[in-house]
């Protein structure tokens, strides 16, 4: 089912990109769009710093601070297109969806499924929450802080998404576009998550934020949590002290193999700003086999047409 869904998304994305690329964008509109993104990035960095200083009422413990630093400041950015009023808006709340139990230790809930649409855009989101049964106070505190962080950021980020789309519409109309043309863009913003691995010892989740108003934009955010200790696992924790050598070798070998199989594929060289090495901040998740999967954003190591690149590092 996931494969079929991914294939359908790819078809829709490709069709949308073809239609979008056929539109001639006025120079002024392009500048205005870039200004919106520049303004967003500046404000985002400031919010992230504020969150690190003030996270959860200044009571965040050391384990949670470590988590927040590794996963995008308490999963701030991943909810860049998120939702507001989930607890108070019954018209959009679709109840609680139980995801399979993670042993007897923890479970992930979709506490709200949200959809809000008007003539300018449609926003959808599934909001995850972790629940644990543990005698370890560190584990329980980390989970509480994470869930509070998610809920506390919802309000701010939905307002940002609405503001950015409104600014884009103003720029579009001021540079010659019409209401009908803007409506035809059918702008969407979505946030979803996937539990990549779950057992009695750990949980690994990927949260994906997607918006198509700026020619398709995707961000992914990752965390892998040790349910026994409350620690956020790193590549080193999973692979050992020589994780850099092992991961680099596996990634380079896989890149070479993919290019051999498909001559249309290519990866940037180090001189072109491509892959050089993994480090403690490299994005990854753990799959059901227990292997880390290193993830590179679109354009990070390869041309945009190749999309997000994933490399499983077999232990």
Protein backbone atom coordinates (compact mmCIF):
# COMPACT_ATOMS: atom_id res chain seq x y z
CA UNK A 1 0.00 0.00 0.00
CA UNK A 2 2.83 2.40 0.88
CA UNK A 3 4.51 1.63 -2.45
CA UNK A 4 1.30 2.33 -4.37
CA UNK A 5 0.77 5.54 -2.42
CA UNK A 6 4.33 6.67 -3.10
CA UNK A 7 3.95 5.91 -6.82
CA UNK A 8 0.69 7.87 -6.95
CA UNK A 9 2.33 10.80 -5.16
CA UNK A 10 5.19 10.72 -7.63
CA UNK A 11 2.80 10.77 -10.60
CA UNK A 12 0.83 13.67 -9.13
CA UNK A 13 4.03 15.55 -8.26
CA UNK A 14 5.48 15.10 -11.74
CA UNK A 15 2.25 16.26 -13.39
CA UNK A 16 2.06 19.25 -11.07
CA UNK A 17 5.67 20.18 -11.75
CA UNK A 18 5.13 19.96 -15.52
CA UNK A 19 2.10 22.24 -15.32
CA UNK A 20 3.89 24.61 -12.97
CA UNK A 21 7.01 24.81 -15.09
CA UNK A 22 4.93 25.80 -18.13
CA UNK A 23 3.80 28.95 -16.35
CA UNK A 24 5.95 31.97 -17.08
CA UNK A 25 6.68 33.61 -13.75
CA UNK A 26 7.12 37.38 -13.78
CA UNK A 27 10.50 38.49 -12.42
CA UNK A 28 8.82 40.57 -9.72
CA UNK A 29 6.78 37.58 -8.52
CA UNK A 30 9.89 35.43 -8.33
CA UNK A 31 11.60 38.10 -6.21
CA UNK A 32 8.59 38.37 -3.91
CA UNK A 33 8.49 34.60 -3.42
CA UNK A 34 12.19 34.55 -2.57
CA UNK A 35 11.62 37.37 -0.09
CA UNK A 36 8.94 35.30 1.62
CA UNK A 37 11.29 32.36 1.99
CA UNK A 38 14.17 34.55 3.18
CA UNK A 39 11.93 36.13 5.79
CA UNK A 40 10.70 32.69 6.86
CA UNK A 41 14.23 31.36 7.31
CA UNK A 42 15.31 34.33 9.44
CA UNK A 43 12.26 34.06 11.67
CA UNK A 44 12.60 30.28 11.83
CA UNK A 45 16.19 30.47 13.10
CA UNK A 46 15.17 33.00 15.75
CA UNK A 47 12.28 30.78 16.88
CA UNK A 48 14.56 27.78 17.06
CA UNK A 49 17.04 29.64 19.26
CA UNK A 50 14.20 30.86 21.48
CA UNK A 51 12.87 27.33 21.77
CA UNK A 52 16.26 26.04 22.84
CA UNK A 53 16.42 28.72 25.53
CA UNK A 54 12.84 28.52 26.71
CA UNK A 55 11.68 25.05 25.78
CA UNK A 56 8.83 23.73 27.89
CA UNK A 57 8.80 26.51 30.45
CA UNK A 58 12.55 26.34 31.14
CA UNK A 59 12.08 22.88 32.71
CA UNK A 60 13.43 20.69 29.92
CA UNK A 61 15.89 18.10 31.22
CA UNK A 62 19.27 17.33 29.65
CA UNK A 63 18.02 14.32 27.72
CA UNK A 64 15.23 16.36 26.17
CA UNK A 65 17.61 19.21 25.28
CA UNK A 66 19.78 16.69 23.50
CA UNK A 67 16.71 15.42 21.67
CA UNK A 68 15.57 18.89 20.67
CA UNK A 69 18.98 19.77 19.29
CA UNK A 70 19.20 16.64 17.17
CA UNK A 71 15.66 16.63 15.78
CA UNK A 72 15.16 20.21 14.64
CA UNK A 73 14.57 22.06 17.92
CA UNK A 74 11.76 19.95 19.27
CA UNK A 75 10.38 19.16 15.83
CA UNK A 76 9.81 22.84 15.12
CA UNK A 77 10.44 22.89 11.41
CA UNK A 78 8.66 19.69 10.60
CA UNK A 79 5.40 21.38 11.53
CA UNK A 80 6.06 24.38 9.29
CA UNK A 81 2.77 23.62 7.56
CA UNK A 82 0.90 22.41 10.60
CA UNK A 83 -2.49 23.00 12.17
CA UNK A 84 -4.11 25.03 14.94
CA UNK A 85 -7.05 24.44 17.20
CA UNK A 86 -6.81 20.66 17.15
CA UNK A 87 -8.14 20.33 20.65
CA UNK A 88 -10.91 22.89 20.27
CA UNK A 89 -12.10 22.50 16.66
CA UNK A 90 -14.50 19.55 16.73
CA UNK A 91 -15.51 20.09 13.11
CA UNK A 92 -12.03 19.06 12.00
CA UNK A 93 -11.13 16.56 14.69
CA UNK A 94 -11.59 13.02 13.44
CA UNK A 95 -10.91 11.23 16.66
CA UNK A 96 -7.99 9.22 17.87
CA UNK A 97 -6.38 6.56 15.68
CA UNK A 98 -4.38 3.86 17.44
CA UNK A 99 -1.16 2.77 15.76
CA UNK A 100 0.05 -0.77 16.72
CA UNK A 101 1.39 -1.22 20.22
CA UNK A 102 5.15 -1.09 20.58
CA UNK A 103 5.50 -4.15 22.77
CA UNK A 104 4.14 -3.32 26.21
CA UNK A 105 6.27 -0.19 26.54
CA UNK A 106 4.89 2.47 24.23
CA UNK A 107 2.47 3.29 21.46
CA UNK A 108 2.03 6.06 18.94
CA UNK A 109 -1.33 7.75 18.57
CA UNK A 110 -2.69 9.98 15.86
CA UNK A 111 -4.39 12.30 18.31
CA UNK A 112 -6.01 14.34 15.55
CA UNK A 113 -6.46 14.11 11.80
CA UNK A 114 -7.07 17.62 10.52
CA UNK A 115 -8.20 19.14 7.26
CA UNK A 116 -8.95 22.78 6.59
CA UNK A 117 -9.69 24.15 3.13
CA UNK A 118 -10.71 27.41 1.53
CA UNK A 119 -10.57 28.81 -1.99
CA UNK A 120 -6.84 29.49 -1.67
CA UNK A 121 -5.42 26.32 -0.07
CA UNK A 122 -5.97 22.98 1.62
CA UNK A 123 -4.09 22.03 4.78
CA UNK A 124 -4.02 18.46 6.08
CA UNK A 125 -2.14 16.97 8.99
CA UNK A 126 -1.92 13.86 11.14
CA UNK A 127 -0.70 14.81 14.60
CA UNK A 128 1.36 12.11 16.37
CA UNK A 129 1.77 11.60 20.06
CA UNK A 130 3.87 9.04 21.92
CA UNK A 131 2.49 7.33 25.02
CA UNK A 132 4.71 5.20 27.26
CA UNK A 133 4.31 2.86 30.17
CA UNK A 134 7.66 3.01 31.94
CA UNK A 135 9.14 3.15 35.41
CA UNK A 136 12.01 5.25 34.07
CA UNK A 137 11.31 8.89 34.86
CA UNK A 138 13.80 10.10 32.22
CA UNK A 139 11.91 8.26 29.48
CA UNK A 140 8.56 9.58 30.63
CA UNK A 141 9.85 13.15 30.91
CA UNK A 142 11.41 13.12 27.44
CA UNK A 143 8.15 11.89 25.93
CA UNK A 144 6.09 14.45 27.86
CA UNK A 145 8.37 17.26 26.70
CA UNK A 146 8.26 16.10 23.08
CA UNK A 147 4.46 15.95 23.07
CA UNK A 148 4.18 19.36 24.72
CA UNK A 149 6.60 20.81 22.19
CA UNK A 150 4.51 19.52 19.29
CA UNK A 151 1.26 20.88 20.69
CA UNK A 152 2.79 24.21 21.68
CA UNK A 153 4.16 24.84 18.18
CA UNK A 154 1.01 24.02 16.26
CA UNK A 155 -0.57 27.46 16.68
CA UNK A 156 2.52 29.36 15.53
CA UNK A 157 3.17 27.28 12.45
CA UNK A 158 -0.32 27.19 11.00
CA UNK A 159 -0.36 30.98 11.21
CA UNK A 160 2.95 31.07 9.35
CA UNK A 161 1.65 28.81 6.59
CA UNK A 162 -1.48 30.90 6.16
CA UNK A 163 0.56 34.11 6.15
CA UNK A 164 3.01 32.84 3.53
CA UNK A 165 0.27 31.65 1.22
CA UNK A 166 -1.53 34.97 1.60
CA UNK A 167 1.69 36.86 0.82
CA UNK A 168 2.26 34.68 -2.22
CA UNK A 169 -1.28 35.38 -3.41
CA UNK A 170 -0.83 39.13 -3.00
CA UNK A 171 2.41 39.00 -4.99
CA UNK A 172 0.79 36.82 -7.64
CA UNK A 173 -2.12 39.23 -8.11
CA UNK A 174 0.10 42.33 -8.03
CA UNK A 175 2.29 40.91 -10.81
CA UNK A 176 -0.55 40.25 -13.22
CA UNK A 177 -2.16 37.04 -12.03
CA UNK A 178 -5.90 36.67 -11.55
CA UNK A 179 -8.04 35.21 -8.76
CA UNK A 180 -9.09 32.40 -11.09
CA UNK A 181 -5.49 31.54 -11.95
CA UNK A 182 -4.49 31.48 -8.29
CA UNK A 183 -7.44 29.28 -7.37
CA UNK A 184 -6.47 26.90 -10.16
CA UNK A 185 -3.10 26.33 -8.46
CA UNK A 186 -4.98 24.27 -5.85
CA UNK A 187 -2.28 24.81 -3.20
CA UNK A 188 -1.80 22.04 -0.65
CA UNK A 189 0.17 21.73 2.57
CA UNK A 190 0.46 18.37 4.29
CA UNK A 191 2.14 16.92 7.35
CA UNK A 192 2.33 13.17 7.88
CA UNK A 193 4.45 10.73 9.84
CA UNK A 194 5.57 7.13 9.60
CA UNK A 195 6.78 4.77 12.29
CA UNK A 196 9.80 3.16 10.63
CA UNK A 197 10.70 0.76 13.44
CA UNK A 198 9.01 -0.22 16.66
CA UNK A 199 9.85 -2.76 19.32
CA UNK A 200 10.27 -3.05 23.06
CA UNK A 201 13.60 -1.23 22.97
CA UNK A 202 13.18 1.71 20.63
CA UNK A 203 11.03 3.68 18.25
CA UNK A 204 12.12 5.41 15.04
CA UNK A 205 9.82 7.93 13.36
CA UNK A 206 10.03 10.12 10.27
CA UNK A 207 7.81 13.20 9.99
CA UNK A 208 7.33 14.68 6.53
CA UNK A 209 6.14 18.19 5.77
CA UNK A 210 5.14 18.92 2.16
CA UNK A 211 3.92 22.08 0.48
CA UNK A 212 3.40 22.65 -3.21
CA UNK A 213 2.88 26.39 -3.45
CA UNK A 214 6.57 26.99 -4.15
CA UNK A 215 7.05 24.40 -6.88
CA UNK A 216 6.90 21.48 -4.44
CA UNK A 217 8.86 21.63 -1.19
CA UNK A 218 9.49 18.72 1.19
CA UNK A 219 11.17 18.56 4.57
CA UNK A 220 11.73 15.45 6.65
CA UNK A 221 12.59 15.21 10.33
CA UNK A 222 13.80 12.18 12.20
CA UNK A 223 14.15 10.86 15.69
CA UNK A 224 15.07 7.47 17.11
CA UNK A 225 14.44 7.07 20.82
CA UNK A 226 15.76 4.40 23.21
CA UNK A 227 12.66 3.46 25.20
CA UNK A 228 14.68 1.90 28.00
CA UNK A 229 16.86 4.91 28.79
CA UNK A 230 15.23 7.92 27.13
CA UNK A 231 18.38 8.56 25.10
CA UNK A 232 18.21 9.80 21.52
CA UNK A 233 20.17 7.25 19.50
CA UNK A 234 22.88 8.38 17.11
CA UNK A 235 24.60 6.63 14.22
CA UNK A 236 27.51 5.99 16.57
CA UNK A 237 25.22 4.36 19.13
CA UNK A 238 23.87 1.99 16.51
CA UNK A 239 26.99 1.29 14.45
CA UNK A 240 29.87 1.71 16.89
CA UNK A 241 32.93 3.95 17.11
CA UNK A 242 33.90 3.40 13.46
CA UNK A 243 30.47 4.44 12.19
CA UNK A 244 31.89 7.18 9.95
CA UNK A 245 34.11 4.79 7.99
CA UNK A 246 31.41 2.12 7.73
CA UNK A 247 28.69 4.52 6.64
CA UNK A 248 30.84 6.44 4.17
CA UNK A 249 32.03 3.25 2.52
CA UNK A 250 28.51 1.82 2.24
CA UNK A 251 27.07 5.05 0.82
CA UNK A 252 29.82 5.48 -1.80
CA UNK A 253 29.52 1.85 -2.89
CA UNK A 254 25.75 2.16 -3.23
CA UNK A 255 26.05 5.37 -5.24
CA UNK A 256 28.44 3.65 -7.65
CA UNK A 257 26.12 0.67 -7.98
CA UNK A 258 23.07 2.81 -8.69
CA UNK A 259 24.88 4.73 -11.43
CA UNK A 260 26.01 1.46 -13.03
CA UNK A 261 22.46 0.13 -13.06
CA UNK A 262 20.93 3.34 -14.43
CA UNK A 263 23.10 5.56 -16.61
CA UNK A 264 20.62 8.42 -16.21
CA UNK A 265 21.49 8.73 -12.52
CA UNK A 266 24.36 10.85 -11.28
CA UNK A 267 25.69 12.12 -7.96
CA UNK A 268 27.50 15.37 -7.25
CA UNK A 269 31.24 15.10 -6.69
CA UNK A 270 32.82 16.50 -3.54
CA UNK A 271 34.09 19.43 -5.62
CA UNK A 272 30.50 20.13 -6.67
CA UNK A 273 29.34 20.17 -3.08
CA UNK A 274 28.16 16.57 -2.99
CA UNK A 275 28.59 13.87 -0.40
CA UNK A 276 31.73 14.06 1.70
CA UNK A 277 31.04 12.26 4.97
CA UNK A 278 28.42 11.47 7.57
CA UNK A 279 28.69 13.08 10.97
CA UNK A 280 26.80 13.29 14.25
CA UNK A 281 24.13 15.49 12.65
CA UNK A 282 23.44 13.28 9.61
CA UNK A 283 19.75 12.49 9.18
CA UNK A 284 18.76 8.85 9.54
CA UNK A 285 16.08 6.49 10.73
CA UNK A 286 16.19 2.83 11.75
CA UNK A 287 14.23 0.32 9.66
CA UNK A 288 12.46 -2.85 10.80
CA UNK A 289 15.63 -4.86 10.16
CA UNK A 290 17.40 -2.74 12.76
CA UNK A 291 19.65 -1.07 10.18
CA UNK A 292 20.17 2.70 10.04
CA UNK A 293 19.03 4.37 6.82
CA UNK A 294 20.88 7.59 6.02
CA UNK A 295 18.72 10.20 4.28
CA UNK A 296 19.83 13.13 2.12
CA UNK A 297 17.50 15.94 1.16
CA UNK A 298 16.63 16.71 -2.43
CA UNK A 299 19.58 18.48 -4.13
CA UNK A 300 21.92 17.60 -1.24
CA UNK A 301 23.94 14.90 -3.00
CA UNK A 302 22.23 14.58 -6.38
CA UNK A 303 20.25 16.59 -8.95
CA UNK A 304 16.69 17.48 -8.03
CA UNK A 305 15.06 14.99 -10.40
CA UNK A 306 16.46 12.16 -8.23
CA UNK A 307 14.56 13.41 -5.20
CA UNK A 308 15.34 12.40 -1.62
CA UNK A 309 18.14 9.82 -1.43
CA UNK A 310 18.19 6.99 1.12
CA UNK A 311 21.01 4.55 1.89
CA UNK A 312 20.58 1.55 4.15
CA UNK A 313 23.73 0.79 6.15
CA UNK A 314 23.69 -2.94 6.85
CA UNK A 315 25.39 -3.81 10.11
